[in-house]
Amino acid sequence: MSKKPSKQESNKTIGINMNKKMADELTKRAESMHLSVSKYCKIILQQWVDSGNKLNLTEK
């Protein structure tokens, strides 16, 4: 029988630096759904991961 991981083992905090325009847009969208920015970001990132879609990154 495997032991259930503690919250400390299963969570990790990350910080993201981004331009103000993007941060303001995330804040606006989160507030429109009555969510914290953190919760909103977790939801949209989880939806993307679950979709299996790949990012195509290119240099500008």
N, C-alpha and C. Protein backbone atom coordinates (compact mmCIF):
# COMPACT_ATOMS: atom_id res chain seq x y z
N MET A 1 0.85 -1.17 0.00
CA MET A 1 0.00 0.00 0.00
C MET A 1 0.90 1.24 0.00
N SER A 2 0.70 2.15 -0.96
CA SER A 2 1.55 3.33 -1.03
C SER A 2 1.01 4.42 -0.12
N LYS A 3 1.94 5.21 0.39
CA LYS A 3 1.51 6.28 1.29
C LYS A 3 1.12 7.50 0.45
N LYS A 4 0.09 8.22 0.91
CA LYS A 4 -0.37 9.42 0.23
C LYS A 4 0.65 10.53 0.44
N PRO A 5 1.06 11.23 -0.64
CA PRO A 5 2.04 12.30 -0.47
C PRO A 5 1.46 13.45 0.35
N SER A 6 2.31 14.04 1.17
CA SER A 6 1.86 15.19 1.95
C SER A 6 1.76 16.39 1.03
N LYS A 7 1.08 17.45 1.51
CA LYS A 7 0.95 18.66 0.69
C LYS A 7 2.33 19.21 0.32
N GLN A 8 3.26 19.11 1.24
CA GLN A 8 4.60 19.62 0.98
C GLN A 8 5.25 18.87 -0.18
N GLU A 9 5.00 17.58 -0.29
CA GLU A 9 5.58 16.78 -1.36
C GLU A 9 4.88 16.99 -2.70
N SER A 10 3.58 17.36 -2.67
CA SER A 10 2.83 17.42 -3.91
C SER A 10 2.63 18.82 -4.46
N ASN A 11 3.06 19.85 -3.77
CA ASN A 11 2.91 21.22 -4.24
C ASN A 11 4.27 21.90 -4.34
N LYS A 12 4.37 22.81 -5.28
CA LYS A 12 5.58 23.60 -5.43
C LYS A 12 5.16 25.00 -5.87
N THR A 13 5.73 26.01 -5.24
CA THR A 13 5.44 27.39 -5.59
C THR A 13 6.45 27.87 -6.62
N ILE A 14 5.93 28.51 -7.67
CA ILE A 14 6.82 29.10 -8.67
C ILE A 14 6.48 30.57 -8.82
N GLY A 15 7.43 31.36 -9.23
CA GLY A 15 7.21 32.77 -9.52
C GLY A 15 7.45 33.01 -10.99
N ILE A 16 6.66 33.89 -11.57
CA ILE A 16 6.78 34.18 -12.99
C ILE A 16 6.89 35.68 -13.18
N ASN A 17 7.93 36.12 -13.84
CA ASN A 17 8.05 37.53 -14.21
C ASN A 17 7.48 37.69 -15.61
N MET A 18 6.61 38.69 -15.78
CA MET A 18 6.01 38.96 -17.10
C MET A 18 5.77 40.45 -17.22
N ASN A 19 5.49 40.87 -18.45
CA ASN A 19 5.26 42.30 -18.63
C ASN A 19 3.93 42.70 -17.99
N LYS A 20 3.82 43.98 -17.67
CA LYS A 20 2.65 44.48 -16.95
C LYS A 20 1.37 44.28 -17.73
N LYS A 21 1.41 44.44 -19.04
CA LYS A 21 0.21 44.28 -19.86
C LYS A 21 -0.37 42.87 -19.71
N MET A 22 0.49 41.86 -19.75
CA MET A 22 0.02 40.49 -19.60
C MET A 22 -0.50 40.24 -18.19
N ALA A 23 0.22 40.72 -17.19
CA ALA A 23 -0.21 40.54 -15.80
C ALA A 23 -1.56 41.21 -15.56
N ASP A 24 -1.75 42.40 -16.12
CA ASP A 24 -3.02 43.10 -15.98
C ASP A 24 -4.16 42.33 -16.65
N GLU A 25 -3.89 41.73 -17.80
CA GLU A 25 -4.90 40.94 -18.51
C GLU A 25 -5.29 39.71 -17.69
N LEU A 26 -4.30 39.02 -17.12
CA LEU A 26 -4.60 37.86 -16.27
C LEU A 26 -5.43 38.28 -15.06
N THR A 27 -5.08 39.40 -14.47
CA THR A 27 -5.82 39.91 -13.31
C THR A 27 -7.26 40.23 -13.70
N LYS A 28 -7.45 40.90 -14.83
CA LYS A 28 -8.79 41.26 -15.30
C LYS A 28 -9.64 40.01 -15.53
N ARG A 29 -9.06 39.02 -16.18
CA ARG A 29 -9.81 37.79 -16.47
C ARG A 29 -10.14 37.02 -15.20
N ALA A 30 -9.18 36.95 -14.29
CA ALA A 30 -9.42 36.25 -13.02
C ALA A 30 -10.52 36.94 -12.22
N GLU A 31 -10.45 38.26 -12.13
CA GLU A 31 -11.45 39.00 -11.37
C GLU A 31 -12.84 38.85 -11.98
N SER A 32 -12.93 38.76 -13.31
CA SER A 32 -14.24 38.61 -13.95
C SER A 32 -14.89 37.28 -13.60
N MET A 33 -14.07 36.32 -13.18
CA MET A 33 -14.59 35.01 -12.78
C MET A 33 -14.59 34.84 -11.26
N HIS A 34 -14.28 35.93 -10.55
CA HIS A 34 -14.21 35.93 -9.08
C HIS A 34 -13.21 34.89 -8.57
N LEU A 35 -12.06 34.83 -9.25
CA LEU A 35 -10.98 33.92 -8.86
C LEU A 35 -9.74 34.73 -8.55
N SER A 36 -8.84 34.15 -7.76
CA SER A 36 -7.53 34.77 -7.58
C SER A 36 -6.74 34.56 -8.87
N VAL A 37 -5.76 35.39 -9.10
CA VAL A 37 -4.92 35.22 -10.29
C VAL A 37 -4.23 33.87 -10.24
N SER A 38 -3.78 33.47 -9.06
CA SER A 38 -3.12 32.18 -8.91
C SER A 38 -4.04 31.03 -9.32
N LYS A 39 -5.27 31.04 -8.83
CA LYS A 39 -6.22 29.97 -9.16
C LYS A 39 -6.54 29.99 -10.65
N TYR A 40 -6.74 31.18 -11.22
CA TYR A 40 -7.04 31.30 -12.65
C TYR A 40 -5.89 30.71 -13.48
N CYS A 41 -4.66 31.06 -13.13
CA CYS A 41 -3.50 30.54 -13.86
C CYS A 41 -3.41 29.03 -13.74
N LYS A 42 -3.67 28.49 -12.55
CA LYS A 42 -3.65 27.03 -12.38
C LYS A 42 -4.69 26.36 -13.28
N ILE A 43 -5.88 26.96 -13.37
CA ILE A 43 -6.94 26.38 -14.19
C ILE A 43 -6.56 26.38 -15.66
N ILE A 44 -6.11 27.53 -16.17
CA ILE A 44 -5.81 27.59 -17.61
C ILE A 44 -4.58 26.76 -17.96
N LEU A 45 -3.60 26.71 -17.08
CA LEU A 45 -2.44 25.87 -17.35
C LEU A 45 -2.81 24.39 -17.31
N GLN A 46 -3.66 23.99 -16.37
CA GLN A 46 -4.08 22.59 -16.30
C GLN A 46 -4.88 22.20 -17.54
N GLN A 47 -5.74 23.11 -18.02
CA GLN A 47 -6.51 22.83 -19.24
C GLN A 47 -5.57 22.63 -20.43
N TRP A 48 -4.53 23.45 -20.51
CA TRP A 48 -3.57 23.32 -21.61
C TRP A 48 -2.82 21.99 -21.50
N VAL A 49 -2.33 21.66 -20.31
CA VAL A 49 -1.60 20.41 -20.11
C VAL A 49 -2.50 19.22 -20.46
N ASP A 50 -3.73 19.25 -19.98
CA ASP A 50 -4.67 18.15 -20.24
C ASP A 50 -5.01 18.01 -21.73
N SER A 51 -4.93 19.12 -22.47
CA SER A 51 -5.27 19.08 -23.90
C SER A 51 -4.25 18.29 -24.72
N GLY A 52 -3.02 18.21 -24.21
CA GLY A 52 -1.98 17.51 -24.95
C GLY A 52 -1.39 18.33 -26.09
N ASN A 53 -1.86 19.57 -26.26
CA ASN A 53 -1.33 20.42 -27.32
C ASN A 53 0.11 20.82 -27.01
N LYS A 54 0.91 20.94 -28.05
CA LYS A 54 2.31 21.35 -27.91
C LYS A 54 2.44 22.83 -28.23
N LEU A 55 3.37 23.50 -27.57
CA LEU A 55 3.67 24.89 -27.89
C LEU A 55 4.69 24.93 -29.00
N ASN A 56 4.51 25.83 -29.92
CA ASN A 56 5.51 26.06 -30.97
C ASN A 56 6.19 27.38 -30.67
N LEU A 57 7.37 27.31 -30.08
CA LEU A 57 8.10 28.51 -29.70
C LEU A 57 9.05 28.92 -30.82
N THR A 58 9.03 30.19 -31.15
CA THR A 58 9.94 30.72 -32.15
C THR A 58 10.52 32.03 -31.63
N GLU A 59 11.69 32.36 -32.12
CA GLU A 59 12.30 33.63 -31.73
C GLU A 59 11.65 34.76 -32.50
N LYS A 60 11.55 35.90 -31.85
CA LYS A 60 11.01 37.09 -32.53
C LYS A 60 12.15 37.94 -33.02
